[in-house]
Amino acid sequence: MCRNIKTLFNFAPAASEAEIRAASIQFIRKVSGSLKPSKVNEPAFERAVNNIAATVTELLNSLVTSAAPKDRESEAAKAWVRAEQRFGTVSSVRSVKNQP
């Protein structure tokens, strides 16, 4: 699950609240071991997500770097290249899935 958590620091534009919340949800899912909490555990799950999101926001606002901000599109393109090198092209993955 945590493989979906992406680096949020030093990007232009800065990480949005939605990105921070998504990373917080993934973290709490990993720690709790559940993708969706039961009704009785929903308040605790939501409280934990909100606390983590607030802490991450505070952290990102406090960090300092001398490096130039990264561009989201170029970082996404690099990730696609790494994925293709690791897993092959998307068309080859689709053809394998469609075989009986």
C-alpha atoms as a PDB file:
ATOM      1  CA  MET A   1       0.000   0.000   0.000  1.00  0.00           C
ATOM      2  CA  CYS A   2       2.682   2.536   0.907  1.00  0.00           C
ATOM      3  CA  ARG A   3       4.214   2.343  -2.526  1.00  0.00           C
ATOM      4  CA  ASN A   4       1.506   4.820  -3.522  1.00  0.00           C
ATOM      5  CA  ILE A   5       2.829   7.486  -1.184  1.00  0.00           C
ATOM      6  CA  LYS A   6       4.776   9.954  -3.283  1.00  0.00           C
ATOM      7  CA  THR A   7       7.378  12.508  -2.284  1.00  0.00           C
ATOM      8  CA  LEU A   8       5.592  15.771  -1.564  1.00  0.00           C
ATOM      9  CA  PHE A   9       8.486  18.089  -0.702  1.00  0.00           C
ATOM     10  CA  ASN A  10      10.188  20.564  -3.024  1.00  0.00           C
ATOM     11  CA  PHE A  11       7.743  20.616  -5.910  1.00  0.00           C
ATOM     12  CA  ALA A  12       6.411  23.588  -7.817  1.00  0.00           C
ATOM     13  CA  PRO A  13       3.562  24.101  -7.184  1.00  0.00           C
ATOM     14  CA  ALA A  14       3.638  22.894  -3.593  1.00  0.00           C
ATOM     15  CA  ALA A  15       1.731  19.797  -2.535  1.00  0.00           C
ATOM     16  CA  SER A  16      -2.002  20.328  -2.319  1.00  0.00           C
ATOM     17  CA  GLU A  17      -4.205  19.465   0.638  1.00  0.00           C
ATOM     18  CA  ALA A  18      -5.657  16.622  -1.446  1.00  0.00           C
ATOM     19  CA  GLU A  19      -2.194  15.135  -2.068  1.00  0.00           C
ATOM     20  CA  ILE A  20      -1.282  15.390   1.604  1.00  0.00           C
ATOM     21  CA  ARG A  21      -4.588  13.796   2.639  1.00  0.00           C
ATOM     22  CA  ALA A  22      -4.159  10.953   0.114  1.00  0.00           C
ATOM     23  CA  ALA A  23      -0.685  10.190   1.484  1.00  0.00           C
ATOM     24  CA  SER A  24      -2.037  10.326   5.038  1.00  0.00           C
ATOM     25  CA  ILE A  25      -4.821   7.874   4.190  1.00  0.00           C
ATOM     26  CA  GLN A  26      -2.322   5.472   2.613  1.00  0.00           C
ATOM     27  CA  PHE A  27      -0.112   5.661   5.688  1.00  0.00           C
ATOM     28  CA  ILE A  28      -2.987   5.011   8.100  1.00  0.00           C
ATOM     29  CA  ARG A  29      -4.215   2.129   5.907  1.00  0.00           C
ATOM     30  CA  LYS A  30      -0.768   0.563   6.077  1.00  0.00           C
ATOM     31  CA  VAL A  31      -0.384   1.050   9.821  1.00  0.00           C
ATOM     32  CA  SER A  32      -3.902  -0.157  10.633  1.00  0.00           C
ATOM     33  CA  GLY A  33      -3.828  -3.033   8.160  1.00  0.00           C
ATOM     34  CA  SER A  34      -7.222  -2.182   6.714  1.00  0.00           C
ATOM     35  CA  LEU A  35      -8.293  -0.471   3.538  1.00  0.00           C
ATOM     36  CA  LYS A  36     -11.627   0.582   4.974  1.00  0.00           C
ATOM     37  CA  PRO A  37     -12.294   0.702   8.693  1.00  0.00           C
ATOM     38  CA  SER A  38     -15.414  -0.760  10.237  1.00  0.00           C
ATOM     39  CA  LYS A  39     -18.173   1.658  11.235  1.00  0.00           C
ATOM     40  CA  VAL A  40     -17.078   1.491  14.861  1.00  0.00           C
ATOM     41  CA  ASN A  41     -13.464   2.341  13.916  1.00  0.00           C
ATOM     42  CA  GLU A  42     -14.256   5.110  11.413  1.00  0.00           C
ATOM     43  CA  PRO A  43     -13.920   7.984  13.924  1.00  0.00           C
ATOM     44  CA  ALA A  44     -10.491   6.796  15.084  1.00  0.00           C
ATOM     45  CA  PHE A  45      -9.365   6.221  11.485  1.00  0.00           C
ATOM     46  CA  GLU A  46     -10.540   9.688  10.399  1.00  0.00           C
ATOM     47  CA  ARG A  47      -8.968  11.349  13.440  1.00  0.00           C
ATOM     48  CA  ALA A  48      -5.644   9.642  12.686  1.00  0.00           C
ATOM     49  CA  VAL A  49      -5.776  10.728   9.022  1.00  0.00           C
ATOM     50  CA  ASN A  50      -6.474  14.323  10.068  1.00  0.00           C
ATOM     51  CA  ASN A  51      -3.628  14.296  12.615  1.00  0.00           C
ATOM     52  CA  ILE A  52      -1.143  12.857  10.106  1.00  0.00           C
ATOM     53  CA  ALA A  53      -2.233  15.342   7.426  1.00  0.00           C
ATOM     54  CA  ALA A  54      -1.744  18.242   9.841  1.00  0.00           C
ATOM     55  CA  THR A  55       1.685  16.954  10.863  1.00  0.00           C
ATOM     56  CA  VAL A  56       2.769  16.457   7.243  1.00  0.00           C
ATOM     57  CA  THR A  57       1.584  19.960   6.346  1.00  0.00           C
ATOM     58  CA  GLU A  58       3.579  21.388   9.250  1.00  0.00           C
ATOM     59  CA  LEU A  59       6.634  19.368   8.214  1.00  0.00           C
ATOM     60  CA  LEU A  60       6.463  20.436   4.567  1.00  0.00           C
ATOM     61  CA  ASN A  61       6.080  24.068   5.597  1.00  0.00           C
ATOM     62  CA  SER A  62       9.114  23.796   7.911  1.00  0.00           C
ATOM     63  CA  LEU A  63      11.567  22.037   5.591  1.00  0.00           C
ATOM     64  CA  VAL A  64      14.240  24.100   3.858  1.00  0.00           C
ATOM     65  CA  THR A  65      16.339  23.218   0.822  1.00  0.00           C
ATOM     66  CA  SER A  66      18.736  24.966  -1.509  1.00  0.00           C
ATOM     67  CA  ALA A  67      17.740  22.694  -4.412  1.00  0.00           C
ATOM     68  CA  ALA A  68      15.533  24.057  -7.148  1.00  0.00           C
ATOM     69  CA  PRO A  69      11.915  22.868  -6.990  1.00  0.00           C
ATOM     70  CA  LYS A  70      11.148  19.788  -9.060  1.00  0.00           C
ATOM     71  CA  ASP A  71       8.675  19.831 -11.917  1.00  0.00           C
ATOM     72  CA  ARG A  72       5.798  17.358 -11.466  1.00  0.00           C
ATOM     73  CA  GLU A  73       5.512  16.530 -15.160  1.00  0.00           C
ATOM     74  CA  SER A  74       9.201  15.723 -15.611  1.00  0.00           C
ATOM     75  CA  GLU A  75       9.196  13.610 -12.413  1.00  0.00           C
ATOM     76  CA  ALA A  76       6.113  11.727 -13.669  1.00  0.00           C
ATOM     77  CA  ALA A  77       7.837  11.104 -17.015  1.00  0.00           C
ATOM     78  CA  LYS A  78      10.889   9.711 -15.211  1.00  0.00           C
ATOM     79  CA  ALA A  79       8.611   7.414 -13.190  1.00  0.00           C
ATOM     80  CA  TRP A  80       7.022   6.080 -16.397  1.00  0.00           C
ATOM     81  CA  VAL A  81      10.465   5.336 -17.843  1.00  0.00           C
ATOM     82  CA  ARG A  82      11.462   3.478 -14.651  1.00  0.00           C
ATOM     83  CA  ALA A  83       8.194   1.522 -14.745  1.00  0.00           C
ATOM     84  CA  GLU A  84       8.709   0.545 -18.379  1.00  0.00           C
ATOM     85  CA  GLN A  85      12.255  -0.596 -17.640  1.00  0.00           C
ATOM     86  CA  ARG A  86      11.039  -2.623 -14.674  1.00  0.00           C
ATOM     87  CA  PHE A  87       7.786  -4.046 -16.024  1.00  0.00           C
ATOM     88  CA  GLY A  88       8.000  -3.654 -19.799  1.00  0.00           C
ATOM     89  CA  THR A  89       5.733  -1.574 -21.990  1.00  0.00           C
ATOM     90  CA  VAL A  90       2.086  -1.109 -21.175  1.00  0.00           C
ATOM     91  CA  SER A  91       1.035  -2.909 -24.383  1.00  0.00           C
ATOM     92  CA  SER A  92       3.050  -5.999 -23.399  1.00  0.00           C
ATOM     93  CA  VAL A  93       1.447  -5.999 -19.947  1.00  0.00           C
ATOM     94  CA  ARG A  94      -2.018  -5.780 -21.503  1.00  0.00           C
ATOM     95  CA  SER A  95      -1.335  -8.602 -23.946  1.00  0.00           C
ATOM     96  CA  VAL A  96      -0.141 -10.878 -21.117  1.00  0.00           C
ATOM     97  CA  LYS A  97      -3.272 -10.137 -19.074  1.00  0.00           C
ATOM     98  CA  ASN A  98      -5.545 -10.918 -22.028  1.00  0.00           C
ATOM     99  CA  GLN A  99      -4.042 -14.337 -22.671  1.00  0.00           C
ATOM    100  CA  PRO A 100      -6.020 -17.338 -21.369  1.00  0.00           C
END
